[in-house]
Amino acid sequence: MEPKIVALTGAGISAESGIPTFRGKDGLWKRFKPEELATPEAFFRNPKLVWEWYDYRRQLIAKAEPNEGHRILARMEREFPNFYLITQNVDGLHQRAGSRKVIELHGNIWKVRCTECGKEDYDYRVPLPEIPPRCDACGGLLRPGVVWFGESLPPDALMKAEKLARDADVFLVVGTSGVVYPAAELPYIAKEFGATVIEVNPEQTPISRIADIRVPKKASEGLREVYEFLRERYGSSGQG
């Protein structure tokens, strides 16, 4: 029977593509903490400021390319029919690398949602021609299609992620701090239901103590090892 392999990724995998984590090193934005900008309250208080920050982030992400870690995960999806990817990242780099079975727990920075009529769409323009952008259907204020501090995760995405964790034979945790809930709970669910938990992270995290296999390397190097391990353990269909 084909193994059910699930990967959970965090900021560590995108850091290798040159995407900063926006915690204090970014010129104009070092005066702000993400917690002060990525909230509904900040947005309705000053939508122009919040959109300037997101426009800046979108421009950085647009210049970035998927790295080997992203590409290895896309290859795993091609080779293992029951492979699924859950990500806390909003940059869309997994999809650009070729991953298709992706659950985005925290939304997508390229998605915009109208605060008036609720219309959602993707907008890949950088820089945005108008800040803050407006809905082309009703003229309402658009917001980034991401989950902000204080907001709930999309229920469908969370429900699917929890089911995948329960059903997994192997659960990979790649480049995530293991402190942002409810995503951080997924490895524990997988472990409780009998999965082999593999962590790829140069740093120790709360997940480290429950990991069956720990690979203390950056995402791309660690995933190369994990990929070879999975091929040896389960074989591969040879696709891709």
C-alpha atoms as a PDB file:
ATOM      1  CA  MET A   1       0.000   0.000   0.000  1.00  0.00           C
ATOM      2  CA  GLU A   2       1.236   3.487  -0.825  1.00  0.00           C
ATOM      3  CA  PRO A   3       2.416   5.382   2.277  1.00  0.00           C
ATOM      4  CA  LYS A   4       0.577   8.522   3.342  1.00  0.00           C
ATOM      5  CA  ILE A   5       3.260  11.195   3.604  1.00  0.00           C
ATOM      6  CA  VAL A   6       2.429  14.685   4.849  1.00  0.00           C
ATOM      7  CA  ALA A   7       4.777  17.668   5.097  1.00  0.00           C
ATOM      8  CA  LEU A   8       4.260  20.789   7.200  1.00  0.00           C
ATOM      9  CA  THR A   9       6.434  23.751   6.182  1.00  0.00           C
ATOM     10  CA  GLY A  10       7.204  27.084   7.813  1.00  0.00           C
ATOM     11  CA  ALA A  11       9.302  30.186   7.191  1.00  0.00           C
ATOM     12  CA  GLY A  12      12.592  28.248   7.249  1.00  0.00           C
ATOM     13  CA  ILE A  13      12.034  26.764   3.806  1.00  0.00           C
ATOM     14  CA  SER A  14      11.396  30.167   2.194  1.00  0.00           C
ATOM     15  CA  ALA A  15      14.331  31.824   3.984  1.00  0.00           C
ATOM     16  CA  GLU A  16      16.625  29.984   1.553  1.00  0.00           C
ATOM     17  CA  SER A  17      14.892  31.803  -1.301  1.00  0.00           C
ATOM     18  CA  GLY A  18      15.913  35.095   0.278  1.00  0.00           C
ATOM     19  CA  ILE A  19      12.552  35.920   1.835  1.00  0.00           C
ATOM     20  CA  PRO A  20      13.109  37.578   5.217  1.00  0.00           C
ATOM     21  CA  THR A  21      10.885  36.860   8.183  1.00  0.00           C
ATOM     22  CA  PHE A  22      10.220  40.593   8.705  1.00  0.00           C
ATOM     23  CA  ARG A  23      11.313  40.719  12.300  1.00  0.00           C
ATOM     24  CA  GLY A  24      13.381  43.852  12.627  1.00  0.00           C
ATOM     25  CA  LYS A  25      15.948  44.050   9.799  1.00  0.00           C
ATOM     26  CA  ASP A  26      14.061  45.678   6.977  1.00  0.00           C
ATOM     27  CA  GLY A  27      14.811  49.371   6.809  1.00  0.00           C
ATOM     28  CA  LEU A  28      11.619  51.386   6.894  1.00  0.00           C
ATOM     29  CA  TRP A  29       9.738  48.511   8.512  1.00  0.00           C
ATOM     30  CA  LYS A  30      12.119  47.935  11.433  1.00  0.00           C
ATOM     31  CA  ARG A  31      10.044  50.439  13.418  1.00  0.00           C
ATOM     32  CA  PHE A  32       7.076  48.085  13.228  1.00  0.00           C
ATOM     33  CA  LYS A  33       6.561  44.577  14.504  1.00  0.00           C
ATOM     34  CA  PRO A  34       4.500  42.231  12.308  1.00  0.00           C
ATOM     35  CA  GLU A  35       2.084  41.994  15.247  1.00  0.00           C
ATOM     36  CA  GLU A  36       1.454  45.744  14.890  1.00  0.00           C
ATOM     37  CA  LEU A  37       0.708  45.613  11.151  1.00  0.00           C
ATOM     38  CA  ALA A  38      -0.800  42.175  10.522  1.00  0.00           C
ATOM     39  CA  THR A  39      -4.014  42.697  12.455  1.00  0.00           C
ATOM     40  CA  PRO A  40      -7.571  43.667  11.482  1.00  0.00           C
ATOM     41  CA  GLU A  41      -7.333  46.632  13.873  1.00  0.00           C
ATOM     42  CA  ALA A  42      -4.184  48.000  12.190  1.00  0.00           C
ATOM     43  CA  PHE A  43      -5.772  47.580   8.784  1.00  0.00           C
ATOM     44  CA  PHE A  44      -8.953  49.471   9.564  1.00  0.00           C
ATOM     45  CA  ARG A  45      -6.980  52.124  11.425  1.00  0.00           C
ATOM     46  CA  ASN A  46      -4.530  52.707   8.577  1.00  0.00           C
ATOM     47  CA  PRO A  47      -5.147  50.548   5.483  1.00  0.00           C
ATOM     48  CA  LYS A  48      -2.641  52.541   3.411  1.00  0.00           C
ATOM     49  CA  LEU A  49       0.237  51.794   5.812  1.00  0.00           C
ATOM     50  CA  VAL A  50      -0.631  48.098   6.034  1.00  0.00           C
ATOM     51  CA  TRP A  51      -0.934  47.819   2.244  1.00  0.00           C
ATOM     52  CA  GLU A  52       2.415  49.601   1.768  1.00  0.00           C
ATOM     53  CA  TRP A  53       3.994  46.905   3.928  1.00  0.00           C
ATOM     54  CA  TYR A  54       2.278  44.107   2.014  1.00  0.00           C
ATOM     55  CA  ASP A  55       3.167  45.711  -1.318  1.00  0.00           C
ATOM     56  CA  TYR A  56       6.806  45.803  -0.203  1.00  0.00           C
ATOM     57  CA  ARG A  57       6.637  42.125   0.800  1.00  0.00           C
ATOM     58  CA  ARG A  58       4.948  41.171  -2.469  1.00  0.00           C
ATOM     59  CA  GLN A  59       7.727  42.865  -4.438  1.00  0.00           C
ATOM     60  CA  LEU A  60      10.377  40.922  -2.501  1.00  0.00           C
ATOM     61  CA  ILE A  61       8.547  37.639  -3.007  1.00  0.00           C
ATOM     62  CA  ALA A  62       8.034  38.330  -6.728  1.00  0.00           C
ATOM     63  CA  LYS A  63      11.831  38.487  -7.157  1.00  0.00           C
ATOM     64  CA  ALA A  64      12.396  35.245  -5.230  1.00  0.00           C
ATOM     65  CA  GLU A  65      12.605  31.802  -6.820  1.00  0.00           C
ATOM     66  CA  PRO A  66      11.648  28.442  -5.334  1.00  0.00           C
ATOM     67  CA  ASN A  67      14.722  26.743  -3.893  1.00  0.00           C
ATOM     68  CA  GLU A  68      15.788  23.109  -3.884  1.00  0.00           C
ATOM     69  CA  GLY A  69      13.715  22.414  -0.768  1.00  0.00           C
ATOM     70  CA  HIS A  70      10.540  23.522  -2.552  1.00  0.00           C
ATOM     71  CA  ARG A  71      11.488  21.468  -5.604  1.00  0.00           C
ATOM     72  CA  ILE A  72      12.188  18.305  -3.599  1.00  0.00           C
ATOM     73  CA  LEU A  73       8.748  18.511  -1.988  1.00  0.00           C
ATOM     74  CA  ALA A  74       7.178  18.925  -5.449  1.00  0.00           C
ATOM     75  CA  ARG A  75       9.126  15.851  -6.586  1.00  0.00           C
ATOM     76  CA  MET A  76       7.858  13.885  -3.579  1.00  0.00           C
ATOM     77  CA  GLU A  77       4.300  14.731  -4.632  1.00  0.00           C
ATOM     78  CA  ARG A  78       4.976  13.371  -8.116  1.00  0.00           C
ATOM     79  CA  GLU A  79       6.605  10.184  -6.832  1.00  0.00           C
ATOM     80  CA  PHE A  80       4.369   9.345  -3.862  1.00  0.00           C
ATOM     81  CA  PRO A  81       0.658   9.340  -4.808  1.00  0.00           C
ATOM     82  CA  ASN A  82      -0.487   9.921  -1.212  1.00  0.00           C
ATOM     83  CA  PHE A  83       1.755  12.915  -0.528  1.00  0.00           C
ATOM     84  CA  TYR A  84       0.228  16.160   0.752  1.00  0.00           C
ATOM     85  CA  LEU A  85       1.717  19.498   1.744  1.00  0.00           C
ATOM     86  CA  ILE A  86       0.503  21.800   4.506  1.00  0.00           C
ATOM     87  CA  THR A  87       2.171  25.202   4.711  1.00  0.00           C
ATOM     88  CA  GLN A  88       2.159  28.130   7.108  1.00  0.00           C
ATOM     89  CA  ASN A  89       3.782  30.272   4.391  1.00  0.00           C
ATOM     90  CA  VAL A  90       1.799  32.769   2.320  1.00  0.00           C
ATOM     91  CA  ASP A  91       4.326  33.302  -0.499  1.00  0.00           C
ATOM     92  CA  GLY A  92       3.032  30.757  -3.055  1.00  0.00           C
ATOM     93  CA  LEU A  93       6.540  29.386  -3.713  1.00  0.00           C
ATOM     94  CA  HIS A  94       5.423  25.776  -3.236  1.00  0.00           C
ATOM     95  CA  GLN A  95       2.964  26.148  -6.112  1.00  0.00           C
ATOM     96  CA  ARG A  96       5.588  27.855  -8.257  1.00  0.00           C
ATOM     97  CA  ALA A  97       7.881  24.872  -7.629  1.00  0.00           C
ATOM     98  CA  GLY A  98       5.183  22.525  -8.940  1.00  0.00           C
ATOM     99  CA  SER A  99       3.331  21.395  -5.810  1.00  0.00           C
ATOM    100  CA  ARG A 100      -0.386  21.010  -6.430  1.00  0.00           C
ATOM    101  CA  LYS A 101      -1.775  19.331  -3.316  1.00  0.00           C
ATOM    102  CA  VAL A 102      -1.154  22.294  -1.013  1.00  0.00           C
ATOM    103  CA  ILE A 103      -3.169  23.376   2.013  1.00  0.00           C
ATOM    104  CA  GLU A 104      -2.426  27.004   2.947  1.00  0.00           C
ATOM    105  CA  LEU A 105      -3.190  27.425   6.639  1.00  0.00           C
ATOM    106  CA  HIS A 106      -2.392  31.139   6.724  1.00  0.00           C
ATOM    107  CA  GLY A 107      -3.717  32.165   3.313  1.00  0.00           C
ATOM    108  CA  ASN A 108      -1.835  33.575   0.319  1.00  0.00           C
ATOM    109  CA  ILE A 109      -0.266  37.023  -0.067  1.00  0.00           C
ATOM    110  CA  TRP A 110      -1.276  37.107  -3.758  1.00  0.00           C
ATOM    111  CA  LYS A 111      -4.955  36.743  -2.903  1.00  0.00           C
ATOM    112  CA  VAL A 112      -7.118  39.805  -2.236  1.00  0.00           C
ATOM    113  CA  ARG A 113     -10.526  39.876  -0.602  1.00  0.00           C
ATOM    114  CA  CYS A 114     -13.102  42.663  -0.621  1.00  0.00           C
ATOM    115  CA  THR A 115     -14.100  43.870   2.846  1.00  0.00           C
ATOM    116  CA  GLU A 116     -17.507  44.906   1.478  1.00  0.00           C
ATOM    117  CA  CYS A 117     -18.811  42.241  -0.927  1.00  0.00           C
ATOM    118  CA  GLY A 118     -16.434  39.410   0.003  1.00  0.00           C
ATOM    119  CA  LYS A 119     -15.175  38.793  -3.562  1.00  0.00           C
ATOM    120  CA  GLU A 120     -11.810  36.976  -3.645  1.00  0.00           C
ATOM    121  CA  ASP A 121      -9.286  36.984  -6.445  1.00  0.00           C
ATOM    122  CA  TYR A 122      -5.576  36.688  -7.160  1.00  0.00           C
ATOM    123  CA  ASP A 123      -3.645  39.843  -8.061  1.00  0.00           C
ATOM    124  CA  TYR A 124      -0.010  39.307  -9.065  1.00  0.00           C
ATOM    125  CA  ARG A 125       0.761  42.928 -10.010  1.00  0.00           C
ATOM    126  CA  VAL A 126       3.854  44.433  -8.379  1.00  0.00           C
ATOM    127  CA  PRO A 127       3.901  47.137  -7.367  1.00  0.00           C
ATOM    128  CA  LEU A 128       0.171  47.592  -7.008  1.00  0.00           C
ATOM    129  CA  PRO A 129      -1.043  50.545  -9.104  1.00  0.00           C
ATOM    130  CA  GLU A 130      -3.267  51.842  -6.299  1.00  0.00           C
ATOM    131  CA  ILE A 131      -2.731  51.675  -2.545  1.00  0.00           C
ATOM    132  CA  PRO A 132      -4.954  50.739  -0.872  1.00  0.00           C
ATOM    133  CA  PRO A 133      -6.482  48.720  -3.742  1.00  0.00           C
ATOM    134  CA  ARG A 134     -10.216  48.731  -4.407  1.00  0.00           C
ATOM    135  CA  CYS A 135     -12.634  46.010  -5.505  1.00  0.00           C
ATOM    136  CA  ASP A 136     -13.409  46.063  -9.226  1.00  0.00           C
ATOM    137  CA  ALA A 137     -16.899  44.722  -8.502  1.00  0.00           C
ATOM    138  CA  CYS A 138     -18.157  47.121  -5.836  1.00  0.00           C
ATOM    139  CA  GLY A 139     -15.393  49.636  -5.151  1.00  0.00           C
ATOM    140  CA  GLY A 140     -14.932  48.378  -1.584  1.00  0.00           C
ATOM    141  CA  LEU A 141     -11.589  48.276   0.199  1.00  0.00           C
ATOM    142  CA  LEU A 142      -9.532  45.162  -0.558  1.00  0.00           C
ATOM    143  CA  ARG A 143      -7.469  43.381   2.078  1.00  0.00           C
ATOM    144  CA  PRO A 144      -4.697  40.796   1.720  1.00  0.00           C
ATOM    145  CA  GLY A 145      -6.037  37.228   1.680  1.00  0.00           C
ATOM    146  CA  VAL A 146      -3.924  36.161   4.640  1.00  0.00           C
ATOM    147  CA  VAL A 147      -4.720  35.187   8.223  1.00  0.00           C
ATOM    148  CA  TRP A 148      -3.848  38.018  10.586  1.00  0.00           C
ATOM    149  CA  PHE A 149      -3.029  37.876  14.290  1.00  0.00           C
ATOM    150  CA  GLY A 150      -6.258  37.429  16.201  1.00  0.00           C
ATOM    151  CA  GLU A 151      -8.082  35.793  13.269  1.00  0.00           C
ATOM    152  CA  SER A 152      -9.095  32.151  13.008  1.00  0.00           C
ATOM    153  CA  LEU A 153      -7.557  29.847  10.433  1.00  0.00           C
ATOM    154  CA  PRO A 154      -9.822  28.903   7.500  1.00  0.00           C
ATOM    155  CA  PRO A 155     -11.969  26.083   8.980  1.00  0.00           C
ATOM    156  CA  ASP A 156     -11.830  23.917   5.831  1.00  0.00           C
ATOM    157  CA  ALA A 157      -8.043  24.127   5.613  1.00  0.00           C
ATOM    158  CA  LEU A 158      -7.596  23.338   9.305  1.00  0.00           C
ATOM    159  CA  MET A 159     -10.035  20.421   9.178  1.00  0.00           C
ATOM    160  CA  LYS A 160      -8.255  18.924   6.143  1.00  0.00           C
ATOM    161  CA  ALA A 161      -4.846  19.421   7.786  1.00  0.00           C
ATOM    162  CA  GLU A 162      -5.951  17.697  10.995  1.00  0.00           C
ATOM    163  CA  LYS A 163      -7.387  14.757   9.036  1.00  0.00           C
ATOM    164  CA  LEU A 164      -4.147  14.410   7.056  1.00  0.00           C
ATOM    165  CA  ALA A 165      -2.172  14.443  10.317  1.00  0.00           C
ATOM    166  CA  ARG A 166      -4.367  11.693  11.773  1.00  0.00           C
ATOM    167  CA  ASP A 167      -4.037   9.528   8.649  1.00  0.00           C
ATOM    168  CA  ALA A 168      -0.307  10.060   8.002  1.00  0.00           C
ATOM    169  CA  ASP A 169       2.251   7.253   8.026  1.00  0.00           C
ATOM    170  CA  VAL A 170       5.079   9.802   7.859  1.00  0.00           C
ATOM    171  CA  PHE A 171       4.785  13.431   8.993  1.00  0.00           C
ATOM    172  CA  LEU A 172       7.588  15.811   7.972  1.00  0.00           C
ATOM    173  CA  VAL A 173       8.065  19.094   9.833  1.00  0.00           C
ATOM    174  CA  VAL A 174      10.283  21.435   7.804  1.00  0.00           C
ATOM    175  CA  GLY A 175      11.572  24.857   8.831  1.00  0.00           C
ATOM    176  CA  THR A 176       8.859  25.688  11.333  1.00  0.00           C
ATOM    177  CA  SER A 177       9.383  27.006  14.863  1.00  0.00           C
ATOM    178  CA  GLY A 178       6.702  24.765  16.317  1.00  0.00           C
ATOM    179  CA  VAL A 179       5.247  27.574  18.424  1.00  0.00           C
ATOM    180  CA  VAL A 180       2.458  29.004  16.207  1.00  0.00           C
ATOM    181  CA  TYR A 181      -0.806  27.247  16.982  1.00  0.00           C
ATOM    182  CA  PRO A 182      -2.936  25.558  15.810  1.00  0.00           C
ATOM    183  CA  ALA A 183      -0.431  24.540  13.099  1.00  0.00           C
ATOM    184  CA  ALA A 184       2.096  23.486  15.755  1.00  0.00           C
ATOM    185  CA  GLU A 185      -0.370  20.915  17.067  1.00  0.00           C
ATOM    186  CA  LEU A 186      -0.380  18.908  13.830  1.00  0.00           C
ATOM    187  CA  PRO A 187       2.865  16.951  14.480  1.00  0.00           C
ATOM    188  CA  TYR A 188       1.518  15.936  17.909  1.00  0.00           C
ATOM    189  CA  ILE A 189      -1.722  14.704  16.330  1.00  0.00           C
ATOM    190  CA  ALA A 190       0.270  12.723  13.754  1.00  0.00           C
ATOM    191  CA  LYS A 191       2.471  11.207  16.479  1.00  0.00           C
ATOM    192  CA  GLU A 192      -0.541  10.271  18.597  1.00  0.00           C
ATOM    193  CA  PHE A 193      -2.059   8.421  15.649  1.00  0.00           C
ATOM    194  CA  GLY A 194       1.111   6.437  14.947  1.00  0.00           C
ATOM    195  CA  ALA A 195       3.000   8.433  12.304  1.00  0.00           C
ATOM    196  CA  THR A 196       6.773   8.553  12.069  1.00  0.00           C
ATOM    197  CA  VAL A 197       7.593  12.223  12.740  1.00  0.00           C
ATOM    198  CA  ILE A 198      10.650  13.611  10.935  1.00  0.00           C
ATOM    199  CA  GLU A 199      11.889  17.113  11.744  1.00  0.00           C
ATOM    200  CA  VAL A 200      14.185  19.114   9.450  1.00  0.00           C
ATOM    201  CA  ASN A 201      15.465  22.192  11.259  1.00  0.00           C
ATOM    202  CA  PRO A 202      18.949  23.461  12.175  1.00  0.00           C
ATOM    203  CA  GLU A 203      17.473  24.719  15.465  1.00  0.00           C
ATOM    204  CA  GLN A 204      15.905  22.760  18.294  1.00  0.00           C
ATOM    205  CA  THR A 205      12.151  23.355  18.546  1.00  0.00           C
ATOM    206  CA  PRO A 206       9.358  22.040  20.785  1.00  0.00           C
ATOM    207  CA  ILE A 207       8.731  19.416  18.061  1.00  0.00           C
ATOM    208  CA  SER A 208      12.288  18.061  18.460  1.00  0.00           C
ATOM    209  CA  ARG A 209      11.442  16.064  21.571  1.00  0.00           C
ATOM    210  CA  ILE A 210       8.691  14.067  19.824  1.00  0.00           C
ATOM    211  CA  ALA A 211      10.498  13.595  16.499  1.00  0.00           C
ATOM    212  CA  ASP A 212      11.408  10.000  15.654  1.00  0.00           C
ATOM    213  CA  ILE A 213      14.058  11.288  13.250  1.00  0.00           C
ATOM    214  CA  ARG A 214      15.664  14.692  13.537  1.00  0.00           C
ATOM    215  CA  VAL A 215      17.751  16.184  10.712  1.00  0.00           C
ATOM    216  CA  PRO A 216      19.533  19.282  12.111  1.00  0.00           C
ATOM    217  CA  LYS A 217      20.121  20.954   8.753  1.00  0.00           C
ATOM    218  CA  LYS A 218      18.611  23.729   6.693  1.00  0.00           C
ATOM    219  CA  ALA A 219      15.564  22.752   4.665  1.00  0.00           C
ATOM    220  CA  SER A 220      17.117  21.976   1.267  1.00  0.00           C
ATOM    221  CA  GLU A 221      19.977  19.852   2.671  1.00  0.00           C
ATOM    222  CA  GLY A 222      17.762  18.048   5.154  1.00  0.00           C
ATOM    223  CA  LEU A 223      15.070  17.328   2.584  1.00  0.00           C
ATOM    224  CA  ARG A 224      17.626  15.745   0.250  1.00  0.00           C
ATOM    225  CA  GLU A 225      18.377  13.232   3.007  1.00  0.00           C
ATOM    226  CA  VAL A 226      14.710  12.692   3.838  1.00  0.00           C
ATOM    227  CA  TYR A 227      13.859  12.170   0.158  1.00  0.00           C
ATOM    228  CA  GLU A 228      16.517   9.447  -0.175  1.00  0.00           C
ATOM    229  CA  PHE A 229      15.355   7.855   3.090  1.00  0.00           C
ATOM    230  CA  LEU A 230      11.736   7.714   1.877  1.00  0.00           C
ATOM    231  CA  ARG A 231      12.740   6.269  -1.488  1.00  0.00           C
ATOM    232  CA  GLU A 232      14.730   3.536   0.248  1.00  0.00           C
ATOM    233  CA  ARG A 233      11.976   2.820   2.748  1.00  0.00           C
ATOM    234  CA  TYR A 234       8.994   2.885   0.419  1.00  0.00           C
ATOM    235  CA  GLY A 235      10.405   2.787  -3.098  1.00  0.00           C
ATOM    236  CA  SER A 236       9.082   5.215  -5.694  1.00  0.00           C
ATOM    237  CA  SER A 237       6.894   5.088  -8.727  1.00  0.00           C
ATOM    238  CA  GLY A 238       9.781   6.611 -10.685  1.00  0.00           C
ATOM    239  CA  GLN A 239       7.678   9.468 -12.038  1.00  0.00           C
ATOM    240  CA  GLY A 240       9.077  12.972 -12.414  1.00  0.00           C
END
